[in-house]
Amino acid sequence: MTRHDAPSAAELAQLEDGVLERLALDWRASASRGEKQAYGVAHMLEVELRRRVRGRRAEQQPPPPASAPRPWWQFWQARRAPGVPRSP
């Protein structure tokens, strides 16, 4: 991948996260200096970086706790705080 062309999908897949982050920062800096073609490349690199980070975070999170099933006929009853009387 040269400095003036966008990386292909295969090249993106082979890049390590640190290199990808550095490239995204470099291209974003070029875009902020006014290079019109750098905007698209910077965006593509940032999207790939966010996709990788999002995937890693999803793997690290524990599954949500299972809640006790409620009877289907009581779906309209809200759970009340203890000690709060029912309204007639």
N, C-alpha and C. Protein backbone atom coordinates (compact mmCIF):
# COMPACT_ATOMS: atom_id res chain seq x y z
N MET A 1 0.86 -1.18 0.00
CA MET A 1 0.00 0.00 0.00
C MET A 1 0.90 1.23 0.00
N THR A 2 0.73 2.08 -0.99
CA THR A 2 1.50 3.32 -1.02
C THR A 2 0.76 4.40 -0.27
N ARG A 3 1.41 5.52 -0.14
CA ARG A 3 0.84 6.62 0.66
C ARG A 3 -0.37 7.26 -0.01
N HIS A 4 -0.48 7.14 -1.34
CA HIS A 4 -1.51 7.90 -2.05
C HIS A 4 -2.69 7.07 -2.54
N ASP A 5 -2.72 5.81 -2.23
CA ASP A 5 -3.89 5.02 -2.63
C ASP A 5 -4.48 4.32 -1.41
N ALA A 6 -5.75 4.03 -1.52
CA ALA A 6 -6.48 3.41 -0.40
C ALA A 6 -6.12 1.93 -0.32
N PRO A 7 -6.06 1.38 0.87
CA PRO A 7 -5.78 -0.05 1.01
C PRO A 7 -6.98 -0.88 0.57
N SER A 8 -6.68 -2.04 0.02
CA SER A 8 -7.75 -2.94 -0.38
C SER A 8 -8.30 -3.66 0.85
N ALA A 9 -9.38 -4.38 0.66
CA ALA A 9 -9.99 -5.12 1.77
C ALA A 9 -9.02 -6.18 2.30
N ALA A 10 -8.27 -6.81 1.40
CA ALA A 10 -7.30 -7.83 1.83
C ALA A 10 -6.18 -7.19 2.64
N GLU A 11 -5.72 -6.01 2.21
CA GLU A 11 -4.67 -5.32 2.96
C GLU A 11 -5.17 -4.87 4.33
N LEU A 12 -6.42 -4.42 4.39
CA LEU A 12 -7.00 -4.02 5.68
C LEU A 12 -7.04 -5.19 6.65
N ALA A 13 -7.41 -6.36 6.14
CA ALA A 13 -7.53 -7.54 7.00
C ALA A 13 -6.18 -7.97 7.56
N GLN A 14 -5.10 -7.70 6.81
CA GLN A 14 -3.77 -8.12 7.24
C GLN A 14 -3.12 -7.14 8.21
N LEU A 15 -3.63 -5.92 8.30
CA LEU A 15 -3.03 -4.91 9.17
C LEU A 15 -3.29 -5.23 10.64
N GLU A 16 -2.28 -5.02 11.45
CA GLU A 16 -2.47 -5.17 12.90
C GLU A 16 -3.20 -3.93 13.41
N ASP A 17 -3.80 -4.05 14.58
CA ASP A 17 -4.60 -2.96 15.12
C ASP A 17 -3.80 -1.68 15.33
N GLY A 18 -2.58 -1.80 15.84
CA GLY A 18 -1.75 -0.63 16.07
C GLY A 18 -1.39 0.10 14.78
N VAL A 19 -1.07 -0.67 13.75
CA VAL A 19 -0.74 -0.08 12.45
C VAL A 19 -1.97 0.57 11.85
N LEU A 20 -3.10 -0.10 11.98
CA LEU A 20 -4.35 0.46 11.46
C LEU A 20 -4.69 1.78 12.15
N GLU A 21 -4.51 1.82 13.45
CA GLU A 21 -4.79 3.05 14.19
C GLU A 21 -3.85 4.18 13.76
N ARG A 22 -2.57 3.86 13.58
CA ARG A 22 -1.60 4.88 13.15
C ARG A 22 -1.93 5.39 11.76
N LEU A 23 -2.29 4.48 10.85
CA LEU A 23 -2.68 4.89 9.50
C LEU A 23 -3.92 5.78 9.52
N ALA A 24 -4.90 5.40 10.34
CA ALA A 24 -6.12 6.20 10.43
C ALA A 24 -5.81 7.60 10.92
N LEU A 25 -4.93 7.70 11.91
CA LEU A 25 -4.54 9.02 12.43
C LEU A 25 -3.79 9.83 11.37
N ASP A 26 -2.89 9.18 10.64
CA ASP A 26 -2.14 9.88 9.59
C ASP A 26 -3.05 10.39 8.49
N TRP A 27 -3.96 9.54 8.04
CA TRP A 27 -4.88 9.94 6.97
C TRP A 27 -5.84 11.02 7.46
N ARG A 28 -6.28 10.93 8.70
CA ARG A 28 -7.18 11.97 9.24
C ARG A 28 -6.44 13.30 9.33
N ALA A 29 -5.16 13.26 9.70
CA ALA A 29 -4.36 14.50 9.75
C ALA A 29 -4.23 15.10 8.35
N SER A 30 -4.01 14.25 7.34
CA SER A 30 -3.93 14.74 5.96
C SER A 30 -5.26 15.35 5.53
N ALA A 31 -6.34 14.71 5.92
CA ALA A 31 -7.67 15.23 5.57
C ALA A 31 -7.91 16.58 6.23
N SER A 32 -7.45 16.73 7.45
CA SER A 32 -7.66 18.01 8.14
C SER A 32 -6.80 19.12 7.54
N ARG A 33 -5.74 18.74 6.83
CA ARG A 33 -4.92 19.74 6.13
C ARG A 33 -5.49 20.09 4.77
N GLY A 34 -6.57 19.42 4.36
CA GLY A 34 -7.25 19.78 3.13
C GLY A 34 -7.09 18.83 1.97
N GLU A 35 -6.44 17.70 2.15
CA GLU A 35 -6.33 16.73 1.06
C GLU A 35 -7.69 16.07 0.86
N LYS A 36 -8.28 16.33 -0.28
CA LYS A 36 -9.65 15.86 -0.51
C LYS A 36 -9.76 14.34 -0.52
N GLN A 37 -8.81 13.66 -1.13
CA GLN A 37 -8.91 12.20 -1.21
C GLN A 37 -8.62 11.52 0.13
N ALA A 38 -8.02 12.24 1.05
CA ALA A 38 -7.69 11.65 2.34
C ALA A 38 -8.94 11.45 3.20
N TYR A 39 -9.99 12.21 2.95
CA TYR A 39 -11.22 12.07 3.75
C TYR A 39 -11.80 10.67 3.64
N GLY A 40 -11.93 10.17 2.43
CA GLY A 40 -12.51 8.85 2.23
C GLY A 40 -11.66 7.74 2.81
N VAL A 41 -10.35 7.84 2.61
CA VAL A 41 -9.45 6.81 3.12
C VAL A 41 -9.45 6.83 4.65
N ALA A 42 -9.40 8.02 5.24
CA ALA A 42 -9.42 8.12 6.70
C ALA A 42 -10.71 7.53 7.25
N HIS A 43 -11.82 7.82 6.60
CA HIS A 43 -13.10 7.28 7.05
C HIS A 43 -13.10 5.76 6.98
N MET A 44 -12.61 5.20 5.87
CA MET A 44 -12.59 3.76 5.70
C MET A 44 -11.73 3.10 6.79
N LEU A 45 -10.58 3.68 7.08
CA LEU A 45 -9.71 3.12 8.11
C LEU A 45 -10.35 3.22 9.50
N GLU A 46 -11.00 4.33 9.78
CA GLU A 46 -11.66 4.51 11.08
C GLU A 46 -12.83 3.56 11.26
N VAL A 47 -13.57 3.32 10.18
CA VAL A 47 -14.69 2.37 10.24
C VAL A 47 -14.17 0.97 10.56
N GLU A 48 -13.10 0.56 9.89
CA GLU A 48 -12.52 -0.76 10.15
C GLU A 48 -12.01 -0.86 11.59
N LEU A 49 -11.39 0.19 12.07
CA LEU A 49 -10.89 0.20 13.45
C LEU A 49 -12.03 0.08 14.45
N ARG A 50 -13.12 0.83 14.23
CA ARG A 50 -14.28 0.74 15.14
C ARG A 50 -14.91 -0.64 15.08
N ARG A 51 -14.96 -1.25 13.89
CA ARG A 51 -15.54 -2.59 13.76
C ARG A 51 -14.74 -3.59 14.59
N ARG A 52 -13.43 -3.50 14.53
CA ARG A 52 -12.59 -4.42 15.30
C ARG A 52 -12.75 -4.21 16.80
N VAL A 53 -12.76 -2.96 17.23
CA VAL A 53 -12.89 -2.66 18.66
C VAL A 53 -14.25 -3.12 19.17
N ARG A 54 -15.30 -2.87 18.40
CA ARG A 54 -16.65 -3.27 18.81
C ARG A 54 -16.72 -4.79 18.95
N GLY A 55 -16.10 -5.52 18.04
CA GLY A 55 -16.10 -6.98 18.12
C GLY A 55 -15.39 -7.50 19.35
N ARG A 56 -14.26 -6.87 19.69
CA ARG A 56 -13.52 -7.29 20.88
C ARG A 56 -14.30 -6.99 22.15
N ARG A 57 -14.95 -5.84 22.20
CA ARG A 57 -15.72 -5.49 23.40
C ARG A 57 -16.89 -6.44 23.59
N ALA A 58 -17.53 -6.84 22.50
CA ALA A 58 -18.67 -7.75 22.60
C ALA A 58 -18.22 -9.11 23.13
N GLU A 59 -17.02 -9.54 22.76
CA GLU A 59 -16.51 -10.82 23.24
C GLU A 59 -16.19 -10.77 24.73
N GLN A 60 -15.80 -9.60 25.23
CA GLN A 60 -15.37 -9.49 26.62
C GLN A 60 -16.53 -9.33 27.59
N GLN A 61 -17.68 -8.89 27.13
CA GLN A 61 -18.79 -8.64 28.04
C GLN A 61 -19.47 -9.95 28.45
N PRO A 62 -19.83 -10.07 29.72
CA PRO A 62 -20.53 -11.27 30.16
C PRO A 62 -21.97 -11.24 29.65
N PRO A 63 -22.60 -12.41 29.53
CA PRO A 63 -23.99 -12.42 29.09
C PRO A 63 -24.89 -11.76 30.13
N PRO A 64 -26.01 -11.19 29.70
CA PRO A 64 -26.91 -10.55 30.67
C PRO A 64 -27.52 -11.59 31.61
N PRO A 65 -27.79 -11.21 32.85
CA PRO A 65 -28.37 -12.18 33.79
C PRO A 65 -29.79 -12.56 33.37
N ALA A 66 -30.11 -13.81 33.61
CA ALA A 66 -31.44 -14.28 33.26
C ALA A 66 -32.44 -13.80 34.31
N SER A 67 -33.55 -13.27 33.85
CA SER A 67 -34.58 -12.82 34.79
C SER A 67 -35.62 -13.93 34.95
N ALA A 68 -36.28 -13.94 36.09
CA ALA A 68 -37.29 -14.95 36.36
C ALA A 68 -38.50 -14.69 35.46
N PRO A 69 -39.03 -15.73 34.85
CA PRO A 69 -40.20 -15.53 33.98
C PRO A 69 -41.42 -15.12 34.79
N ARG A 70 -42.19 -14.20 34.24
CA ARG A 70 -43.42 -13.76 34.90
C ARG A 70 -44.61 -14.39 34.18
N PRO A 71 -45.67 -14.71 34.90
CA PRO A 71 -46.85 -15.26 34.23
C PRO A 71 -47.37 -14.30 33.17
N TRP A 72 -47.77 -14.83 32.04
CA TRP A 72 -48.18 -13.98 30.92
C TRP A 72 -49.42 -13.16 31.25
N TRP A 73 -50.29 -13.62 32.16
CA TRP A 73 -51.52 -12.88 32.45
C TRP A 73 -51.28 -11.71 33.40
N GLN A 74 -50.06 -11.56 33.89
CA GLN A 74 -49.77 -10.45 34.79
C GLN A 74 -48.85 -9.42 34.12
N PHE A 75 -48.86 -9.35 32.80
CA PHE A 75 -47.95 -8.45 32.12
C PHE A 75 -48.25 -6.99 32.40
N TRP A 76 -49.49 -6.66 32.80
CA TRP A 76 -49.84 -5.26 33.03
C TRP A 76 -49.50 -4.80 34.45
N GLN A 77 -49.19 -5.72 35.33
CA GLN A 77 -48.91 -5.35 36.71
C GLN A 77 -47.45 -4.95 36.86
N ALA A 78 -47.26 -3.72 37.29
CA ALA A 78 -45.90 -3.24 37.52
C ALA A 78 -45.40 -3.78 38.85
N ARG A 79 -44.14 -3.90 38.97
CA ARG A 79 -43.57 -4.35 40.25
C ARG A 79 -43.57 -3.17 41.20
N ARG A 80 -44.08 -3.39 42.39
CA ARG A 80 -44.19 -2.32 43.38
C ARG A 80 -43.08 -2.45 44.41
N ALA A 81 -42.73 -1.33 44.96
CA ALA A 81 -41.74 -1.34 46.04
C ALA A 81 -42.39 -1.95 47.27
N PRO A 82 -41.64 -2.63 48.11
CA PRO A 82 -42.21 -3.22 49.32
C PRO A 82 -42.80 -2.14 50.23
N GLY A 83 -43.96 -2.41 50.76
CA GLY A 83 -44.61 -1.47 51.68
C GLY A 83 -45.54 -0.49 50.99
N VAL A 84 -45.62 -0.51 49.67
CA VAL A 84 -46.51 0.42 48.96
C VAL A 84 -47.85 -0.29 48.78
N PRO A 85 -48.93 0.28 49.33
CA PRO A 85 -50.24 -0.39 49.22
C PRO A 85 -50.78 -0.30 47.80
N ARG A 86 -51.62 -1.28 47.46
CA ARG A 86 -52.28 -1.28 46.15
C ARG A 86 -53.40 -0.26 46.16
N SER A 87 -53.60 0.38 45.05
CA SER A 87 -54.73 1.32 44.96
C SER A 87 -55.99 0.53 44.61
N PRO A 88 -57.14 0.92 45.18
CA PRO A 88 -58.38 0.15 44.95
C PRO A 88 -58.91 0.29 43.56
